[in-house]
Amino acid sequence: MRLPNDRYAEIIMSPAETALLRAARERGLPAHPGERMIAHQIAAYLGFLGL
């Protein structure tokens, strides 16, 4: 069953396209690679580490 707001996201950054993301895209489903997640977390990491 697919819900109207289904999204597929990967936390793995390499390779950029994993089997999960490839399968989602082949089915026409929204898929987001891991780079987006890390890009939004960099500031939090630096703050936590005091950098």
PDB file of N, CA and C in Angstrom:
ATOM      1  N   MET A   1       0.836  -1.170   0.000  1.00  0.00           N
ATOM      2  CA  MET A   1       0.000   0.000   0.000  1.00  0.00           C
ATOM      3  C   MET A   1       0.889   1.244   0.000  1.00  0.00           C
ATOM      4  N   ARG A   2       0.531   2.202  -0.815  1.00  0.00           N
ATOM      5  CA  ARG A   2       1.277   3.454  -0.880  1.00  0.00           C
ATOM      6  C   ARG A   2       0.405   4.575  -0.336  1.00  0.00           C
ATOM      7  N   LEU A   3       0.978   5.346   0.571  1.00  0.00           N
ATOM      8  CA  LEU A   3       0.283   6.500   1.127  1.00  0.00           C
ATOM      9  C   LEU A   3       0.574   7.728   0.265  1.00  0.00           C
ATOM     10  N   PRO A   4      -0.313   8.721   0.249  1.00  0.00           N
ATOM     11  CA  PRO A   4      -0.133   9.868  -0.642  1.00  0.00           C
ATOM     12  C   PRO A   4       1.148  10.665  -0.418  1.00  0.00           C
ATOM     13  N   ASN A   5       1.700  10.656   0.776  1.00  0.00           N
ATOM     14  CA  ASN A   5       2.894  11.442   1.067  1.00  0.00           C
ATOM     15  C   ASN A   5       4.141  10.595   1.260  1.00  0.00           C
ATOM     16  N   ASP A   6       4.153   9.386   0.712  1.00  0.00           N
ATOM     17  CA  ASP A   6       5.327   8.520   0.834  1.00  0.00           C
ATOM     18  C   ASP A   6       6.555   9.215   0.283  1.00  0.00           C
ATOM     19  N   ARG A   7       7.659   9.093   1.002  1.00  0.00           N
ATOM     20  CA  ARG A   7       8.964   9.588   0.572  1.00  0.00           C
ATOM     21  C   ARG A   7       9.986   8.539   0.961  1.00  0.00           C
ATOM     22  N   TYR A   8      10.997   8.384   0.127  1.00  0.00           N
ATOM     23  CA  TYR A   8      12.063   7.439   0.422  1.00  0.00           C
ATOM     24  C   TYR A   8      13.354   8.220   0.545  1.00  0.00           C
ATOM     25  N   ALA A   9      14.017   8.065   1.673  1.00  0.00           N
ATOM     26  CA  ALA A   9      15.259   8.789   1.931  1.00  0.00           C
ATOM     27  C   ALA A   9      16.319   7.799   2.377  1.00  0.00           C
ATOM     28  N   GLU A  10      17.538   8.098   2.031  1.00  0.00           N
ATOM     29  CA  GLU A  10      18.658   7.226   2.354  1.00  0.00           C
ATOM     30  C   GLU A  10      19.626   7.990   3.233  1.00  0.00           C
ATOM     31  N   ILE A  11      20.189   7.330   4.218  1.00  0.00           N
ATOM     32  CA  ILE A  11      21.198   7.973   5.055  1.00  0.00           C
ATOM     33  C   ILE A  11      22.613   7.666   4.564  1.00  0.00           C
ATOM     34  N   ILE A  12      22.728   6.736   3.656  1.00  0.00           N
ATOM     35  CA  ILE A  12      24.028   6.373   3.090  1.00  0.00           C
ATOM     36  C   ILE A  12      24.404   7.400   2.032  1.00  0.00           C
ATOM     37  N   MET A  13      25.625   7.927   2.111  1.00  0.00           N
ATOM     38  CA  MET A  13      26.039   8.952   1.157  1.00  0.00           C
ATOM     39  C   MET A  13      26.777   8.388  -0.047  1.00  0.00           C
ATOM     40  N   SER A  14      27.333   7.203   0.091  1.00  0.00           N
ATOM     41  CA  SER A  14      28.074   6.622  -1.019  1.00  0.00           C
ATOM     42  C   SER A  14      27.768   5.131  -1.099  1.00  0.00           C
ATOM     43  N   PRO A  15      27.235   4.680  -2.203  1.00  0.00           N
ATOM     44  CA  PRO A  15      26.990   5.409  -3.440  1.00  0.00           C
ATOM     45  C   PRO A  15      25.784   6.332  -3.305  1.00  0.00           C
ATOM     46  N   ALA A  16      25.741   7.362  -4.141  1.00  0.00           N
ATOM     47  CA  ALA A  16      24.636   8.322  -4.076  1.00  0.00           C
ATOM     48  C   ALA A  16      23.309   7.647  -4.409  1.00  0.00           C
ATOM     49  N   GLU A  17      23.336   6.700  -5.333  1.00  0.00           N
ATOM     50  CA  GLU A  17      22.103   5.972  -5.660  1.00  0.00           C
ATOM     51  C   GLU A  17      22.207   4.542  -5.141  1.00  0.00           C
ATOM     52  N   THR A  18      21.459   4.251  -4.111  1.00  0.00           N
ATOM     53  CA  THR A  18      21.439   2.903  -3.537  1.00  0.00           C
ATOM     54  C   THR A  18      20.316   2.099  -4.185  1.00  0.00           C
ATOM     55  N   ALA A  19      20.268   0.833  -3.873  1.00  0.00           N
ATOM     56  CA  ALA A  19      19.208  -0.022  -4.404  1.00  0.00           C
ATOM     57  C   ALA A  19      17.828   0.485  -3.982  1.00  0.00           C
ATOM     58  N   LEU A  20      17.720   0.976  -2.752  1.00  0.00           N
ATOM     59  CA  LEU A  20      16.446   1.520  -2.266  1.00  0.00           C
ATOM     60  C   LEU A  20      16.006   2.713  -3.109  1.00  0.00           C
ATOM     61  N   LEU A  21      16.903   3.665  -3.316  1.00  0.00           N
ATOM     62  CA  LEU A  21      16.557   4.852  -4.085  1.00  0.00           C
ATOM     63  C   LEU A  21      16.270   4.522  -5.534  1.00  0.00           C
ATOM     64  N   ARG A  22      17.038   3.628  -6.112  1.00  0.00           N
ATOM     65  CA  ARG A  22      16.824   3.213  -7.497  1.00  0.00           C
ATOM     66  C   ARG A  22      15.448   2.574  -7.655  1.00  0.00           C
ATOM     67  N   ALA A  23      15.092   1.686  -6.728  1.00  0.00           N
ATOM     68  CA  ALA A  23      13.790   1.024  -6.789  1.00  0.00           C
ATOM     69  C   ALA A  23      12.654   2.031  -6.645  1.00  0.00           C
ATOM     70  N   ALA A  24      12.819   3.001  -5.745  1.00  0.00           N
ATOM     71  CA  ALA A  24      11.784   4.024  -5.567  1.00  0.00           C
ATOM     72  C   ALA A  24      11.631   4.846  -6.836  1.00  0.00           C
ATOM     73  N   ARG A  25      12.732   5.288  -7.404  1.00  0.00           N
ATOM     74  CA  ARG A  25      12.665   6.109  -8.624  1.00  0.00           C
ATOM     75  C   ARG A  25      12.073   5.333  -9.797  1.00  0.00           C
ATOM     76  N   GLU A  26      12.421   4.060  -9.914  1.00  0.00           N
ATOM     77  CA  GLU A  26      11.866   3.234 -10.991  1.00  0.00           C
ATOM     78  C   GLU A  26      10.348   3.129 -10.890  1.00  0.00           C
ATOM     79  N   ARG A  27       9.836   3.276  -9.683  1.00  0.00           N
ATOM     80  CA  ARG A  27       8.387   3.214  -9.460  1.00  0.00           C
ATOM     81  C   ARG A  27       7.740   4.605  -9.478  1.00  0.00           C
ATOM     82  N   GLY A  28       8.550   5.618  -9.775  1.00  0.00           N
ATOM     83  CA  GLY A  28       8.036   6.977  -9.834  1.00  0.00           C
ATOM     84  C   GLY A  28       7.789   7.607  -8.472  1.00  0.00           C
ATOM     85  N   LEU A  29       8.461   7.082  -7.436  1.00  0.00           N
ATOM     86  CA  LEU A  29       8.278   7.587  -6.078  1.00  0.00           C
ATOM     87  C   LEU A  29       9.366   8.602  -5.736  1.00  0.00           C
ATOM     88  N   PRO A  30       9.072   9.574  -4.892  1.00  0.00           N
ATOM     89  CA  PRO A  30      10.084  10.553  -4.480  1.00  0.00           C
ATOM     90  C   PRO A  30      11.205   9.870  -3.696  1.00  0.00           C
ATOM     91  N   ALA A  31      12.441  10.189  -4.054  1.00  0.00           N
ATOM     92  CA  ALA A  31      13.593   9.586  -3.384  1.00  0.00           C
ATOM     93  C   ALA A  31      14.645  10.654  -3.134  1.00  0.00           C
ATOM     94  N   HIS A  32      15.219  10.656  -1.942  1.00  0.00           N
ATOM     95  CA  HIS A  32      16.199  11.666  -1.553  1.00  0.00           C
ATOM     96  C   HIS A  32      17.484  10.985  -1.101  1.00  0.00           C
ATOM     97  N   PRO A  33      18.633  11.350  -1.688  1.00  0.00           N
ATOM     98  CA  PRO A  33      19.911  10.766  -1.277  1.00  0.00           C
ATOM     99  C   PRO A  33      20.401  11.319   0.046  1.00  0.00           C
ATOM    100  N   GLY A  34      21.388  10.672   0.620  1.00  0.00           N
ATOM    101  CA  GLY A  34      21.916  11.022   1.930  1.00  0.00           C
ATOM    102  C   GLY A  34      22.583  12.380   2.025  1.00  0.00           C
ATOM    103  N   GLU A  35      23.042  12.935   0.879  1.00  0.00           N
ATOM    104  CA  GLU A  35      23.730  14.224   0.925  1.00  0.00           C
ATOM    105  C   GLU A  35      22.841  15.321   1.493  1.00  0.00           C
ATOM    106  N   ARG A  36      21.558  15.274   1.213  1.00  0.00           N
ATOM    107  CA  ARG A  36      20.656  16.311   1.722  1.00  0.00           C
ATOM    108  C   ARG A  36      20.632  16.309   3.255  1.00  0.00           C
ATOM    109  N   MET A  37      20.606  15.134   3.830  1.00  0.00           N
ATOM    110  CA  MET A  37      20.553  15.036   5.281  1.00  0.00           C
ATOM    111  C   MET A  37      21.819  15.616   5.906  1.00  0.00           C
ATOM    112  N   ILE A  38      22.980  15.209   5.418  1.00  0.00           N
ATOM    113  CA  ILE A  38      24.227  15.673   6.016  1.00  0.00           C
ATOM    114  C   ILE A  38      24.411  17.172   5.803  1.00  0.00           C
ATOM    115  N   ALA A  39      23.965  17.696   4.667  1.00  0.00           N
ATOM    116  CA  ALA A  39      24.100  19.128   4.400  1.00  0.00           C
ATOM    117  C   ALA A  39      23.359  19.954   5.450  1.00  0.00           C
ATOM    118  N   HIS A  40      22.232  19.460   5.917  1.00  0.00           N
ATOM    119  CA  HIS A  40      21.453  20.188   6.914  1.00  0.00           C
ATOM    120  C   HIS A  40      21.943  19.932   8.340  1.00  0.00           C
ATOM    121  N   GLN A  41      22.804  18.958   8.531  1.00  0.00           N
ATOM    122  CA  GLN A  41      23.282  18.636   9.868  1.00  0.00           C
ATOM    123  C   GLN A  41      24.669  19.169  10.174  1.00  0.00           C
ATOM    124  N   ILE A  42      25.362  19.674   9.187  1.00  0.00           N
ATOM    125  CA  ILE A  42      26.752  20.113   9.384  1.00  0.00           C
ATOM    126  C   ILE A  42      26.851  21.171  10.489  1.00  0.00           C
ATOM    127  N   ALA A  43      25.980  22.169  10.464  1.00  0.00           N
ATOM    128  CA  ALA A  43      26.042  23.228  11.488  1.00  0.00           C
ATOM    129  C   ALA A  43      25.848  22.643  12.889  1.00  0.00           C
ATOM    130  N   ALA A  44      24.931  21.700  13.023  1.00  0.00           N
ATOM    131  CA  ALA A  44      24.690  21.077  14.333  1.00  0.00           C
ATOM    132  C   ALA A  44      25.906  20.276  14.786  1.00  0.00           C
ATOM    133  N   TYR A  45      26.538  19.564  13.865  1.00  0.00           N
ATOM    134  CA  TYR A  45      27.751  18.808  14.205  1.00  0.00           C
ATOM    135  C   TYR A  45      28.862  19.734  14.678  1.00  0.00           C
ATOM    136  N   LEU A  46      29.067  20.822  13.936  1.00  0.00           N
ATOM    137  CA  LEU A  46      30.134  21.763  14.297  1.00  0.00           C
ATOM    138  C   LEU A  46      29.868  22.395  15.658  1.00  0.00           C
ATOM    139  N   GLY A  47      28.624  22.761  15.919  1.00  0.00           N
ATOM    140  CA  GLY A  47      28.279  23.327  17.218  1.00  0.00           C
ATOM    141  C   GLY A  47      28.504  22.329  18.346  1.00  0.00           C
ATOM    142  N   PHE A  48      28.123  21.088  18.123  1.00  0.00           N
ATOM    143  CA  PHE A  48      28.282  20.047  19.133  1.00  0.00           C
ATOM    144  C   PHE A  48      29.767  19.824  19.440  1.00  0.00           C
ATOM    145  N   LEU A  49      30.588  19.878  18.409  1.00  0.00           N
ATOM    146  CA  LEU A  49      32.021  19.640  18.570  1.00  0.00           C
ATOM    147  C   LEU A  49      32.774  20.898  18.992  1.00  0.00           C
ATOM    148  N   GLY A  50      32.068  22.020  19.065  1.00  0.00           N
ATOM    149  CA  GLY A  50      32.705  23.276  19.473  1.00  0.00           C
ATOM    150  C   GLY A  50      33.629  23.851  18.422  1.00  0.00           C
ATOM    151  N   LEU A  51      33.316  23.590  17.174  1.00  0.00           N
ATOM    152  CA  LEU A  51      34.170  24.074  16.069  1.00  0.00           C
ATOM    153  C   LEU A  51      33.554  25.261  15.374  1.00  0.00           C
TER     154      LEU A  51
END
